[in-house]
């Protein structure tokens, strides 16, 4: 009898989401929906035309890390990842 083998590791995914031009609360709703697809090692890159301050509190409370940077074709580009579990 052979020991079971683990499934092959998958490559981390990059998910891009553009919420520029949408009226509130649509940008926040779209980001929250996209977070369901973010697994360990994945990153979600979101383009905003205004600073999404309410989103930051939601991310912190739900175990996500984020980085805010000026975008090349938008005001803010936010990269979101799952925070590693200790």
C-alpha atoms as a PDB file:
ATOM      1  CA  UNK A   1       0.000   0.000   0.000  1.00  0.00           C
ATOM      2  CA  UNK A   2       1.373   3.407  -0.915  1.00  0.00           C
ATOM      3  CA  UNK A   3       1.003   6.520   1.186  1.00  0.00           C
ATOM      4  CA  UNK A   4      -1.378   9.165  -0.143  1.00  0.00           C
ATOM      5  CA  UNK A   5       0.310  12.084  -1.811  1.00  0.00           C
ATOM      6  CA  UNK A   6      -0.593  15.706  -1.391  1.00  0.00           C
ATOM      7  CA  UNK A   7      -2.140  17.468  -4.370  1.00  0.00           C
ATOM      8  CA  UNK A   8       0.314  19.606  -6.316  1.00  0.00           C
ATOM      9  CA  UNK A   9       0.736  23.116  -4.966  1.00  0.00           C
ATOM     10  CA  UNK A  10      -1.020  25.746  -7.013  1.00  0.00           C
ATOM     11  CA  UNK A  11       0.603  28.950  -8.126  1.00  0.00           C
ATOM     12  CA  UNK A  12      -0.524  32.081  -6.270  1.00  0.00           C
ATOM     13  CA  UNK A  13      -3.063  34.061  -8.265  1.00  0.00           C
ATOM     14  CA  UNK A  14      -3.233  37.775  -8.966  1.00  0.00           C
ATOM     15  CA  UNK A  15      -6.778  39.081  -9.244  1.00  0.00           C
ATOM     16  CA  UNK A  16      -7.263  42.568 -10.674  1.00  0.00           C
ATOM     17  CA  UNK A  17     -10.348  44.664 -10.017  1.00  0.00           C
ATOM     18  CA  UNK A  18     -11.109  48.151 -11.344  1.00  0.00           C
ATOM     19  CA  UNK A  19     -13.777  50.017  -9.365  1.00  0.00           C
ATOM     20  CA  UNK A  20     -13.053  53.507 -10.710  1.00  0.00           C
ATOM     21  CA  UNK A  21     -16.113  55.551 -11.585  1.00  0.00           C
ATOM     22  CA  UNK A  22     -18.538  53.505  -9.493  1.00  0.00           C
ATOM     23  CA  UNK A  23     -20.797  55.213  -6.965  1.00  0.00           C
ATOM     24  CA  UNK A  24     -20.720  54.128  -3.315  1.00  0.00           C
ATOM     25  CA  UNK A  25     -21.305  51.508  -2.042  1.00  0.00           C
ATOM     26  CA  UNK A  26     -20.561  49.570  -5.263  1.00  0.00           C
ATOM     27  CA  UNK A  27     -16.718  49.734  -4.977  1.00  0.00           C
ATOM     28  CA  UNK A  28     -16.782  48.336  -1.440  1.00  0.00           C
ATOM     29  CA  UNK A  29     -19.292  45.632  -2.385  1.00  0.00           C
ATOM     30  CA  UNK A  30     -17.220  44.522  -5.378  1.00  0.00           C
ATOM     31  CA  UNK A  31     -14.047  44.294  -3.294  1.00  0.00           C
ATOM     32  CA  UNK A  32     -15.800  42.272  -0.589  1.00  0.00           C
ATOM     33  CA  UNK A  33     -17.164  39.872  -3.231  1.00  0.00           C
ATOM     34  CA  UNK A  34     -13.684  39.485  -4.764  1.00  0.00           C
ATOM     35  CA  UNK A  35     -12.145  38.657  -1.369  1.00  0.00           C
ATOM     36  CA  UNK A  36     -13.986  35.326  -1.496  1.00  0.00           C
ATOM     37  CA  UNK A  37     -11.627  34.330  -4.329  1.00  0.00           C
ATOM     38  CA  UNK A  38      -8.408  35.339  -2.517  1.00  0.00           C
ATOM     39  CA  UNK A  39      -6.634  32.289  -1.113  1.00  0.00           C
ATOM     40  CA  UNK A  40      -3.335  31.913   0.725  1.00  0.00           C
ATOM     41  CA  UNK A  41      -0.548  33.516  -1.299  1.00  0.00           C
ATOM     42  CA  UNK A  42      -2.969  35.222  -3.698  1.00  0.00           C
ATOM     43  CA  UNK A  43      -3.225  38.959  -4.097  1.00  0.00           C
ATOM     44  CA  UNK A  44      -6.082  41.211  -5.096  1.00  0.00           C
ATOM     45  CA  UNK A  45      -5.086  44.455  -6.806  1.00  0.00           C
ATOM     46  CA  UNK A  46      -7.831  47.084  -6.820  1.00  0.00           C
ATOM     47  CA  UNK A  47      -7.845  50.402  -8.703  1.00  0.00           C
ATOM     48  CA  UNK A  48      -9.691  53.266  -7.013  1.00  0.00           C
ATOM     49  CA  UNK A  49     -10.333  56.891  -7.935  1.00  0.00           C
ATOM     50  CA  UNK A  50     -10.710  57.858  -4.251  1.00  0.00           C
ATOM     51  CA  UNK A  51      -9.208  56.632  -0.990  1.00  0.00           C
ATOM     52  CA  UNK A  52     -11.273  53.688   0.348  1.00  0.00           C
ATOM     53  CA  UNK A  53     -10.881  54.475   4.081  1.00  0.00           C
ATOM     54  CA  UNK A  54     -13.863  52.338   5.264  1.00  0.00           C
ATOM     55  CA  UNK A  55     -12.392  49.329   3.448  1.00  0.00           C
ATOM     56  CA  UNK A  56      -9.210  49.407   5.529  1.00  0.00           C
ATOM     57  CA  UNK A  57     -11.042  48.789   8.808  1.00  0.00           C
ATOM     58  CA  UNK A  58     -12.977  45.894   7.262  1.00  0.00           C
ATOM     59  CA  UNK A  59      -9.787  44.310   5.935  1.00  0.00           C
ATOM     60  CA  UNK A  60      -7.984  44.599   9.273  1.00  0.00           C
ATOM     61  CA  UNK A  61     -10.906  43.069  11.185  1.00  0.00           C
ATOM     62  CA  UNK A  62     -11.126  40.133   8.779  1.00  0.00           C
ATOM     63  CA  UNK A  63      -7.485  39.064   8.613  1.00  0.00           C
ATOM     64  CA  UNK A  64      -6.267  40.814   5.471  1.00  0.00           C
ATOM     65  CA  UNK A  65      -3.121  42.858   4.960  1.00  0.00           C
ATOM     66  CA  UNK A  66      -3.053  45.682   2.432  1.00  0.00           C
ATOM     67  CA  UNK A  67      -0.684  48.127   0.795  1.00  0.00           C
ATOM     68  CA  UNK A  68      -1.757  51.465  -0.656  1.00  0.00           C
ATOM     69  CA  UNK A  69       0.250  53.034  -3.483  1.00  0.00           C
ATOM     70  CA  UNK A  70      -0.318  55.720  -6.094  1.00  0.00           C
ATOM     71  CA  UNK A  71      -1.583  54.074  -9.249  1.00  0.00           C
ATOM     72  CA  UNK A  72      -0.131  54.590 -12.692  1.00  0.00           C
ATOM     73  CA  UNK A  73      -3.595  55.037 -14.229  1.00  0.00           C
ATOM     74  CA  UNK A  74      -5.665  55.650 -11.077  1.00  0.00           C
ATOM     75  CA  UNK A  75      -5.378  57.655  -7.856  1.00  0.00           C
ATOM     76  CA  UNK A  76      -4.923  54.638  -5.573  1.00  0.00           C
ATOM     77  CA  UNK A  77      -3.916  51.048  -6.171  1.00  0.00           C
ATOM     78  CA  UNK A  78      -4.527  48.783  -3.191  1.00  0.00           C
ATOM     79  CA  UNK A  79      -2.921  45.331  -2.978  1.00  0.00           C
ATOM     80  CA  UNK A  80      -4.741  42.977  -0.595  1.00  0.00           C
ATOM     81  CA  UNK A  81      -3.522  39.616   0.731  1.00  0.00           C
ATOM     82  CA  UNK A  82      -4.643  37.208   3.424  1.00  0.00           C
ATOM     83  CA  UNK A  83      -2.622  37.812   6.568  1.00  0.00           C
ATOM     84  CA  UNK A  84      -0.509  34.732   7.358  1.00  0.00           C
ATOM     85  CA  UNK A  85      -1.820  32.666  10.255  1.00  0.00           C
ATOM     86  CA  UNK A  86       0.617  32.240  13.147  1.00  0.00           C
END
